[in-house]
Amino acid sequence: MAMLKQEILREVPLDHLKEGQHGVINQTPSNPLLASLGFREGKHVTIKAKEIFKGPLICSIDDRNVAISRDVAKKVLIETY
């Protein structure tokens, strides 16, 4: 009998992801600047770098790298698996 592998989804703030981790945006604050950078529900995002001393996160979204502050990243919820 074959076992079914079940994906485990969890929702975390973007700033909780480590470098190289990725997920799908589930919720963003209502912010036109974020939307213009590509941060919209359903988009795939990958953490490329986390700058030291609580600096910005470098994220890959829509085939481009974007820097956002950790304060903003805390408000973006990501589904990971």
N, C-alpha and C. Protein backbone atom coordinates (compact mmCIF):
# COMPACT_ATOMS: atom_id res chain seq x y z
N MET A 1 0.85 -1.17 0.00
CA MET A 1 0.00 0.00 0.00
C MET A 1 0.90 1.23 0.00
N ALA A 2 0.67 2.13 -0.92
CA ALA A 2 1.49 3.34 -1.03
C ALA A 2 1.01 4.38 -0.03
N MET A 3 1.97 5.04 0.60
CA MET A 3 1.63 6.12 1.53
C MET A 3 1.53 7.42 0.76
N LEU A 4 0.58 8.21 1.12
CA LEU A 4 0.43 9.52 0.50
C LEU A 4 1.28 10.53 1.26
N LYS A 5 2.06 11.28 0.52
CA LYS A 5 2.86 12.32 1.15
C LYS A 5 2.01 13.58 1.20
N GLN A 6 1.84 14.11 2.39
CA GLN A 6 1.01 15.27 2.56
C GLN A 6 1.89 16.49 2.80
N GLU A 7 1.66 17.54 2.03
CA GLU A 7 2.41 18.77 2.22
C GLU A 7 1.93 19.46 3.48
N ILE A 8 2.86 19.97 4.25
CA ILE A 8 2.52 20.69 5.46
C ILE A 8 2.71 22.18 5.18
N LEU A 9 1.63 22.92 5.23
CA LEU A 9 1.68 24.36 5.01
C LEU A 9 1.67 25.06 6.36
N ARG A 10 2.43 26.13 6.43
CA ARG A 10 2.36 26.97 7.62
C ARG A 10 2.47 28.41 7.18
N GLU A 11 1.88 29.29 7.95
CA GLU A 11 1.90 30.70 7.61
C GLU A 11 2.80 31.43 8.60
N VAL A 12 3.78 32.15 8.06
CA VAL A 12 4.74 32.88 8.90
C VAL A 12 4.97 34.27 8.29
N PRO A 13 5.41 35.23 9.12
CA PRO A 13 5.81 36.52 8.56
C PRO A 13 7.04 36.35 7.68
N LEU A 14 7.16 37.18 6.66
CA LEU A 14 8.27 37.10 5.72
C LEU A 14 9.62 37.19 6.43
N ASP A 15 9.72 38.00 7.47
CA ASP A 15 11.01 38.16 8.15
C ASP A 15 11.45 36.92 8.92
N HIS A 16 10.57 35.92 9.07
CA HIS A 16 10.93 34.67 9.75
C HIS A 16 11.63 33.68 8.82
N LEU A 17 11.54 33.89 7.51
CA LEU A 17 12.19 32.97 6.58
C LEU A 17 13.70 33.18 6.61
N LYS A 18 14.44 32.11 6.34
CA LYS A 18 15.89 32.18 6.28
C LYS A 18 16.32 32.38 4.84
N GLU A 19 17.58 32.76 4.66
CA GLU A 19 18.10 32.92 3.30
C GLU A 19 17.90 31.63 2.52
N GLY A 20 17.40 31.75 1.31
CA GLY A 20 17.15 30.60 0.45
C GLY A 20 15.76 30.01 0.58
N GLN A 21 15.05 30.33 1.67
CA GLN A 21 13.69 29.82 1.83
C GLN A 21 12.73 30.60 0.94
N HIS A 22 11.63 29.95 0.60
CA HIS A 22 10.66 30.58 -0.28
C HIS A 22 9.25 30.21 0.15
N GLY A 23 8.30 30.91 -0.41
CA GLY A 23 6.90 30.63 -0.13
C GLY A 23 6.02 31.48 -1.02
N VAL A 24 4.73 31.45 -0.71
CA VAL A 24 3.73 32.18 -1.48
C VAL A 24 3.11 33.23 -0.56
N ILE A 25 3.00 34.44 -1.07
CA ILE A 25 2.41 35.52 -0.28
C ILE A 25 0.93 35.23 -0.06
N ASN A 26 0.54 35.24 1.21
CA ASN A 26 -0.85 34.96 1.57
C ASN A 26 -1.59 36.24 1.96
N GLN A 27 -0.84 37.19 2.54
CA GLN A 27 -1.47 38.43 2.99
C GLN A 27 -0.43 39.53 3.05
N THR A 28 -0.80 40.73 2.59
CA THR A 28 0.08 41.89 2.67
C THR A 28 -0.71 43.07 3.23
N PRO A 29 0.00 44.01 3.86
CA PRO A 29 -0.71 45.22 4.29
C PRO A 29 -1.14 46.03 3.06
N SER A 30 -2.16 46.81 3.21
CA SER A 30 -2.62 47.66 2.11
C SER A 30 -1.60 48.78 1.93
N ASN A 31 -0.72 48.61 0.94
CA ASN A 31 0.37 49.55 0.74
C ASN A 31 0.67 49.62 -0.76
N PRO A 32 0.39 50.75 -1.40
CA PRO A 32 0.62 50.86 -2.85
C PRO A 32 2.08 50.64 -3.24
N LEU A 33 3.02 51.05 -2.39
CA LEU A 33 4.43 50.85 -2.71
C LEU A 33 4.76 49.37 -2.76
N LEU A 34 4.28 48.60 -1.78
CA LEU A 34 4.51 47.15 -1.78
C LEU A 34 3.92 46.52 -3.04
N ALA A 35 2.71 46.91 -3.38
CA ALA A 35 2.06 46.36 -4.57
C ALA A 35 2.87 46.68 -5.82
N SER A 36 3.41 47.90 -5.90
CA SER A 36 4.19 48.28 -7.09
C SER A 36 5.50 47.50 -7.18
N LEU A 37 6.00 47.00 -6.04
CA LEU A 37 7.21 46.18 -6.02
C LEU A 37 6.92 44.71 -6.32
N GLY A 38 5.63 44.37 -6.43
CA GLY A 38 5.26 43.00 -6.76
C GLY A 38 4.74 42.18 -5.60
N PHE A 39 4.65 42.78 -4.41
CA PHE A 39 4.18 42.05 -3.24
C PHE A 39 2.66 42.02 -3.23
N ARG A 40 2.12 40.96 -3.85
CA ARG A 40 0.68 40.75 -3.92
C ARG A 40 0.37 39.30 -3.60
N GLU A 41 -0.82 39.07 -3.09
CA GLU A 41 -1.24 37.72 -2.73
C GLU A 41 -1.09 36.77 -3.92
N GLY A 42 -0.56 35.57 -3.63
CA GLY A 42 -0.39 34.56 -4.65
C GLY A 42 0.97 34.57 -5.33
N LYS A 43 1.77 35.61 -5.11
CA LYS A 43 3.10 35.71 -5.73
C LYS A 43 4.10 34.86 -4.95
N HIS A 44 5.04 34.27 -5.68
CA HIS A 44 6.12 33.50 -5.07
C HIS A 44 7.25 34.44 -4.70
N VAL A 45 7.82 34.24 -3.52
CA VAL A 45 8.91 35.09 -3.04
C VAL A 45 9.99 34.21 -2.42
N THR A 46 11.26 34.59 -2.64
CA THR A 46 12.41 33.89 -2.08
C THR A 46 13.29 34.90 -1.37
N ILE A 47 13.79 34.52 -0.18
CA ILE A 47 14.73 35.38 0.54
C ILE A 47 16.11 35.16 -0.05
N LYS A 48 16.70 36.20 -0.60
CA LYS A 48 18.04 36.13 -1.17
C LYS A 48 19.10 36.47 -0.13
N ALA A 49 18.82 37.46 0.73
CA ALA A 49 19.78 37.87 1.75
C ALA A 49 19.06 38.60 2.87
N LYS A 50 19.64 38.50 4.06
CA LYS A 50 19.18 39.26 5.22
C LYS A 50 20.38 40.08 5.68
N GLU A 51 20.28 41.39 5.51
CA GLU A 51 21.40 42.26 5.86
C GLU A 51 21.58 42.31 7.38
N ILE A 52 22.81 42.51 7.80
CA ILE A 52 23.13 42.49 9.23
C ILE A 52 22.59 43.73 9.94
N PHE A 53 22.62 43.66 11.26
CA PHE A 53 22.16 44.76 12.12
C PHE A 53 20.73 45.17 11.82
N LYS A 54 19.89 44.17 11.62
CA LYS A 54 18.46 44.39 11.35
C LYS A 54 18.23 45.24 10.11
N GLY A 55 19.12 45.08 9.14
CA GLY A 55 18.98 45.77 7.86
C GLY A 55 17.86 45.15 7.04
N PRO A 56 17.72 45.59 5.80
CA PRO A 56 16.61 45.12 4.97
C PRO A 56 16.77 43.66 4.53
N LEU A 57 15.66 43.11 4.07
CA LEU A 57 15.66 41.79 3.45
C LEU A 57 15.73 41.99 1.94
N ILE A 58 16.53 41.18 1.28
CA ILE A 58 16.58 41.19 -0.17
C ILE A 58 15.75 40.00 -0.63
N CYS A 59 14.68 40.28 -1.35
CA CYS A 59 13.74 39.25 -1.79
C CYS A 59 13.72 39.18 -3.31
N SER A 60 13.53 37.98 -3.82
CA SER A 60 13.34 37.79 -5.25
C SER A 60 11.85 37.59 -5.50
N ILE A 61 11.30 38.46 -6.33
CA ILE A 61 9.89 38.38 -6.68
C ILE A 61 9.73 38.90 -8.11
N ASP A 62 8.98 38.20 -8.92
CA ASP A 62 8.80 38.58 -10.33
C ASP A 62 10.14 38.72 -11.05
N ASP A 63 11.05 37.80 -10.81
CA ASP A 63 12.36 37.78 -11.48
C ASP A 63 13.20 39.02 -11.24
N ARG A 64 13.00 39.67 -10.11
CA ARG A 64 13.86 40.80 -9.75
C ARG A 64 14.08 40.81 -8.24
N ASN A 65 15.18 41.42 -7.83
CA ASN A 65 15.50 41.52 -6.41
C ASN A 65 15.00 42.85 -5.87
N VAL A 66 14.36 42.77 -4.71
CA VAL A 66 13.76 43.94 -4.08
C VAL A 66 14.17 43.95 -2.61
N ALA A 67 14.52 45.13 -2.09
CA ALA A 67 14.85 45.27 -0.67
C ALA A 67 13.66 45.87 0.07
N ILE A 68 13.29 45.24 1.19
CA ILE A 68 12.24 45.82 2.05
C ILE A 68 12.72 45.78 3.49
N SER A 69 12.22 46.70 4.29
CA SER A 69 12.62 46.76 5.70
C SER A 69 12.05 45.57 6.46
N ARG A 70 12.68 45.25 7.55
CA ARG A 70 12.18 44.15 8.39
C ARG A 70 10.84 44.50 9.01
N ASP A 71 10.62 45.78 9.31
CA ASP A 71 9.32 46.18 9.87
C ASP A 71 8.19 45.89 8.89
N VAL A 72 8.41 46.16 7.62
CA VAL A 72 7.40 45.87 6.60
C VAL A 72 7.29 44.35 6.41
N ALA A 73 8.44 43.66 6.39
CA ALA A 73 8.45 42.21 6.18
C ALA A 73 7.67 41.47 7.26
N LYS A 74 7.62 42.02 8.46
CA LYS A 74 6.86 41.39 9.56
C LYS A 74 5.36 41.35 9.26
N LYS A 75 4.91 42.26 8.40
CA LYS A 75 3.48 42.38 8.10
C LYS A 75 3.05 41.60 6.87
N VAL A 76 4.02 41.01 6.16
CA VAL A 76 3.72 40.21 4.97
C VAL A 76 3.69 38.74 5.39
N LEU A 77 2.55 38.09 5.25
CA LEU A 77 2.41 36.69 5.67
C LEU A 77 2.63 35.76 4.49
N ILE A 78 3.44 34.72 4.73
CA ILE A 78 3.88 33.79 3.70
C ILE A 78 3.44 32.38 4.06
N GLU A 79 2.95 31.64 3.07
CA GLU A 79 2.69 30.20 3.24
C GLU A 79 3.94 29.46 2.80
N THR A 80 4.48 28.64 3.69
CA THR A 80 5.65 27.83 3.35
C THR A 80 5.27 26.37 3.42
N TYR A 81 6.11 25.54 2.81
CA TYR A 81 5.85 24.09 2.81
C TYR A 81 7.14 23.35 2.80
